[in-house]
């Protein structure tokens, strides 16, 4: 019985970390989705176009919902593509 409960606890922890990993986007993934370099992404953060990431120790991340909203929004530009 104890072994079974330990298995359930470890399974739940793994499920939590998998769910946590897939609900967040790190710096590299966010930059790839925007099709820019990480340096450009940090410049956009400094300019205020993109909000600063949340931190968990040394890990920087954004929620997937925020990343999707930034990627799908139209750019605010007066320039017309030729």
N, C-alpha and C. Protein backbone atom coordinates (compact mmCIF):
# COMPACT_ATOMS: atom_id res chain seq x y z
N UNK A 1 0.83 -1.20 0.00
CA UNK A 1 0.00 0.00 0.00
C UNK A 1 0.87 1.26 0.00
N UNK A 2 1.95 1.25 0.76
CA UNK A 2 2.83 2.41 0.82
C UNK A 2 3.50 2.62 -0.54
N UNK A 3 3.94 1.56 -1.16
CA UNK A 3 4.58 1.67 -2.47
C UNK A 3 3.61 2.26 -3.49
N UNK A 4 2.37 1.83 -3.46
CA UNK A 4 1.36 2.35 -4.38
C UNK A 4 1.14 3.84 -4.16
N UNK A 5 1.07 4.30 -2.92
CA UNK A 5 0.86 5.72 -2.66
C UNK A 5 2.07 6.55 -3.07
N UNK A 6 3.28 5.99 -2.93
CA UNK A 6 4.47 6.70 -3.38
C UNK A 6 4.44 6.84 -4.90
N UNK A 7 4.00 5.80 -5.60
CA UNK A 7 3.89 5.87 -7.05
C UNK A 7 2.90 6.96 -7.47
N UNK A 8 1.78 7.04 -6.79
CA UNK A 8 0.77 8.06 -7.12
C UNK A 8 1.35 9.46 -6.88
N UNK A 9 2.06 9.65 -5.80
CA UNK A 9 2.62 10.97 -5.50
C UNK A 9 3.65 11.34 -6.57
N UNK A 10 4.54 10.42 -6.93
CA UNK A 10 5.54 10.76 -7.94
C UNK A 10 4.88 10.97 -9.29
N UNK A 11 3.84 10.21 -9.62
CA UNK A 11 3.13 10.41 -10.87
C UNK A 11 2.49 11.79 -10.91
N UNK A 12 1.88 12.19 -9.81
CA UNK A 12 1.25 13.51 -9.76
C UNK A 12 2.30 14.61 -9.88
N UNK A 13 3.46 14.44 -9.27
CA UNK A 13 4.52 15.45 -9.38
C UNK A 13 5.01 15.55 -10.81
N UNK A 14 5.20 14.41 -11.48
CA UNK A 14 5.63 14.44 -12.87
C UNK A 14 4.57 15.09 -13.74
N UNK A 15 3.31 14.77 -13.50
CA UNK A 15 2.23 15.38 -14.26
C UNK A 15 2.21 16.88 -14.03
N UNK A 16 2.43 17.33 -12.81
CA UNK A 16 2.46 18.76 -12.50
C UNK A 16 3.58 19.44 -13.26
N UNK A 17 4.77 18.84 -13.27
CA UNK A 17 5.89 19.48 -13.96
C UNK A 17 5.70 19.46 -15.47
N UNK A 18 5.11 18.40 -16.00
CA UNK A 18 4.82 18.38 -17.44
C UNK A 18 3.80 19.45 -17.78
N UNK A 19 2.74 19.56 -16.99
CA UNK A 19 1.71 20.57 -17.23
C UNK A 19 2.30 21.97 -17.08
N UNK A 20 3.16 22.16 -16.09
CA UNK A 20 3.79 23.45 -15.88
C UNK A 20 4.70 23.80 -17.05
N UNK A 21 5.44 22.81 -17.56
CA UNK A 21 6.35 23.06 -18.67
C UNK A 21 5.59 23.46 -19.93
N UNK A 22 4.48 22.81 -20.23
CA UNK A 22 3.76 23.10 -21.45
C UNK A 22 2.85 24.31 -21.35
N UNK A 23 2.63 24.86 -20.17
CA UNK A 23 1.78 26.05 -20.05
C UNK A 23 2.62 27.32 -20.02
N UNK A 24 3.92 27.19 -20.17
CA UNK A 24 4.82 28.34 -20.13
C UNK A 24 5.73 28.34 -21.33
N UNK A 25 6.21 29.52 -21.68
CA UNK A 25 7.17 29.65 -22.78
C UNK A 25 8.40 30.36 -22.26
N UNK A 26 9.56 29.82 -22.55
CA UNK A 26 10.79 30.47 -22.12
C UNK A 26 11.22 31.51 -23.15
N UNK A 27 12.35 32.14 -22.93
CA UNK A 27 12.82 33.24 -23.79
C UNK A 27 13.05 32.75 -25.22
N UNK A 28 13.74 31.63 -25.35
CA UNK A 28 14.05 31.13 -26.69
C UNK A 28 12.79 30.78 -27.47
N UNK A 29 11.84 30.11 -26.81
CA UNK A 29 10.60 29.73 -27.48
C UNK A 29 9.79 30.95 -27.89
N UNK A 30 9.72 31.97 -27.02
CA UNK A 30 8.99 33.19 -27.33
C UNK A 30 9.63 33.89 -28.52
N UNK A 31 10.95 33.98 -28.54
CA UNK A 31 11.64 34.62 -29.66
C UNK A 31 11.42 33.83 -30.96
N UNK A 32 11.43 32.52 -30.88
CA UNK A 32 11.17 31.71 -32.08
C UNK A 32 9.76 31.91 -32.60
N UNK A 33 8.79 32.01 -31.72
CA UNK A 33 7.41 32.23 -32.17
C UNK A 33 7.24 33.59 -32.83
N UNK A 34 7.98 34.59 -32.35
CA UNK A 34 7.93 35.91 -32.97
C UNK A 34 8.83 36.02 -34.19
N UNK A 35 9.66 35.00 -34.42
CA UNK A 35 10.62 34.97 -35.52
C UNK A 35 11.63 36.12 -35.40
N UNK A 36 12.13 36.33 -34.18
CA UNK A 36 13.15 37.33 -33.90
C UNK A 36 14.25 36.68 -33.05
N UNK A 37 15.36 37.39 -32.88
CA UNK A 37 16.41 36.89 -32.01
C UNK A 37 16.07 37.21 -30.56
N UNK A 38 16.77 36.57 -29.63
CA UNK A 38 16.52 36.85 -28.22
C UNK A 38 16.92 38.28 -27.88
N UNK A 39 17.95 38.81 -28.56
CA UNK A 39 18.35 40.20 -28.32
C UNK A 39 17.23 41.17 -28.73
N UNK A 40 16.58 40.89 -29.85
CA UNK A 40 15.47 41.73 -30.29
C UNK A 40 14.31 41.63 -29.31
N UNK A 41 14.07 40.44 -28.80
CA UNK A 41 12.99 40.27 -27.81
C UNK A 41 13.28 41.10 -26.57
N UNK A 42 14.52 41.07 -26.08
CA UNK A 42 14.86 41.87 -24.90
C UNK A 42 14.77 43.36 -25.20
N UNK A 43 15.08 43.78 -26.43
CA UNK A 43 14.91 45.19 -26.80
C UNK A 43 13.44 45.58 -26.78
N UNK A 44 12.57 44.69 -27.23
CA UNK A 44 11.13 44.96 -27.19
C UNK A 44 10.62 45.04 -25.75
N UNK A 45 11.22 44.27 -24.87
CA UNK A 45 10.86 44.35 -23.45
C UNK A 45 11.26 45.72 -22.90
N UNK A 46 12.47 46.18 -23.25
CA UNK A 46 12.93 47.50 -22.79
C UNK A 46 12.06 48.62 -23.32
N UNK A 47 11.58 48.48 -24.58
CA UNK A 47 10.73 49.50 -25.19
C UNK A 47 9.31 49.47 -24.64
N UNK A 48 8.93 48.39 -23.99
CA UNK A 48 7.60 48.27 -23.42
C UNK A 48 6.59 47.62 -24.34
N UNK A 49 7.05 47.09 -25.48
CA UNK A 49 6.15 46.42 -26.41
C UNK A 49 5.70 45.07 -25.85
N UNK A 50 6.63 44.39 -25.17
CA UNK A 50 6.36 43.09 -24.56
C UNK A 50 6.59 43.24 -23.06
N UNK A 51 5.70 42.65 -22.27
CA UNK A 51 5.88 42.75 -20.82
C UNK A 51 7.05 41.89 -20.35
N UNK A 52 7.63 42.27 -19.25
CA UNK A 52 8.78 41.54 -18.69
C UNK A 52 8.34 40.13 -18.27
N UNK A 53 9.24 39.17 -18.38
CA UNK A 53 8.88 37.80 -18.02
C UNK A 53 8.76 37.63 -16.51
N UNK A 54 8.03 36.60 -16.13
CA UNK A 54 7.99 36.19 -14.73
C UNK A 54 9.26 35.41 -14.45
N UNK A 55 9.70 35.41 -13.21
CA UNK A 55 10.93 34.74 -12.85
C UNK A 55 10.66 33.64 -11.84
N UNK A 56 11.35 32.53 -12.01
CA UNK A 56 11.36 31.45 -11.03
C UNK A 56 12.82 31.07 -10.84
N UNK A 57 13.47 31.73 -9.90
CA UNK A 57 14.91 31.57 -9.76
C UNK A 57 15.58 32.23 -10.93
N UNK A 58 16.37 31.47 -11.67
CA UNK A 58 17.01 32.05 -12.86
C UNK A 58 16.22 31.79 -14.14
N UNK A 59 15.09 31.09 -14.03
CA UNK A 59 14.25 30.78 -15.18
C UNK A 59 13.30 31.94 -15.47
N UNK A 60 13.32 32.44 -16.69
CA UNK A 60 12.38 33.47 -17.14
C UNK A 60 11.33 32.81 -18.01
N UNK A 61 10.05 33.16 -17.81
CA UNK A 61 9.00 32.54 -18.59
C UNK A 61 7.80 33.46 -18.72
N UNK A 62 7.00 33.21 -19.75
CA UNK A 62 5.71 33.86 -19.95
C UNK A 62 4.67 32.76 -20.04
N UNK A 63 3.44 33.09 -19.71
CA UNK A 63 2.36 32.13 -19.89
C UNK A 63 2.05 31.98 -21.37
N UNK A 64 1.68 30.79 -21.78
CA UNK A 64 1.38 30.53 -23.18
C UNK A 64 0.26 31.42 -23.70
N UNK A 65 -0.72 31.72 -22.87
CA UNK A 65 -1.83 32.57 -23.31
C UNK A 65 -1.33 33.97 -23.68
N UNK A 66 -0.38 34.50 -22.91
CA UNK A 66 0.18 35.82 -23.23
C UNK A 66 1.00 35.75 -24.51
N UNK A 67 1.81 34.72 -24.65
CA UNK A 67 2.65 34.57 -25.84
C UNK A 67 1.77 34.48 -27.09
N UNK A 68 0.71 33.69 -27.01
CA UNK A 68 -0.20 33.57 -28.15
C UNK A 68 -0.86 34.90 -28.49
N UNK A 69 -1.23 35.68 -27.48
CA UNK A 69 -1.86 36.97 -27.75
C UNK A 69 -0.88 37.95 -28.41
N UNK A 70 0.39 37.91 -28.00
CA UNK A 70 1.40 38.80 -28.60
C UNK A 70 1.70 38.37 -30.04
N UNK A 71 1.80 37.08 -30.26
CA UNK A 71 2.15 36.58 -31.59
C UNK A 71 1.03 36.85 -32.59
N UNK A 72 -0.21 36.75 -32.17
CA UNK A 72 -1.33 36.90 -33.10
C UNK A 72 -1.81 38.33 -33.27
N UNK A 73 -1.36 39.27 -32.44
CA UNK A 73 -1.81 40.64 -32.59
C UNK A 73 -1.16 41.30 -33.79
N UNK A 74 -1.86 42.24 -34.40
CA UNK A 74 -1.32 42.98 -35.55
C UNK A 74 -0.30 43.98 -35.06
N UNK A 75 0.78 44.16 -35.78
CA UNK A 75 1.79 45.15 -35.35
C UNK A 75 1.26 46.57 -35.45
N UNK A 76 1.66 47.42 -34.52
CA UNK A 76 1.24 48.81 -34.53
C UNK A 76 2.23 49.60 -35.36
N UNK A 77 1.96 49.71 -36.63
CA UNK A 77 2.87 50.39 -37.53
C UNK A 77 2.08 51.14 -38.58
N UNK A 78 2.59 52.31 -39.00
CA UNK A 78 1.96 53.09 -40.06
C UNK A 78 2.50 52.72 -41.43
N UNK A 79 3.51 51.87 -41.46
CA UNK A 79 4.12 51.47 -42.73
C UNK A 79 3.24 50.46 -43.43
N UNK A 80 3.15 50.60 -44.75
CA UNK A 80 2.38 49.67 -45.56
C UNK A 80 3.35 48.81 -46.34
N UNK A 81 3.11 47.53 -46.34
CA UNK A 81 3.98 46.61 -47.07
C UNK A 81 3.79 46.81 -48.56
N UNK A 82 4.87 46.79 -49.30
CA UNK A 82 4.80 47.02 -50.75
C UNK A 82 4.58 45.75 -51.50
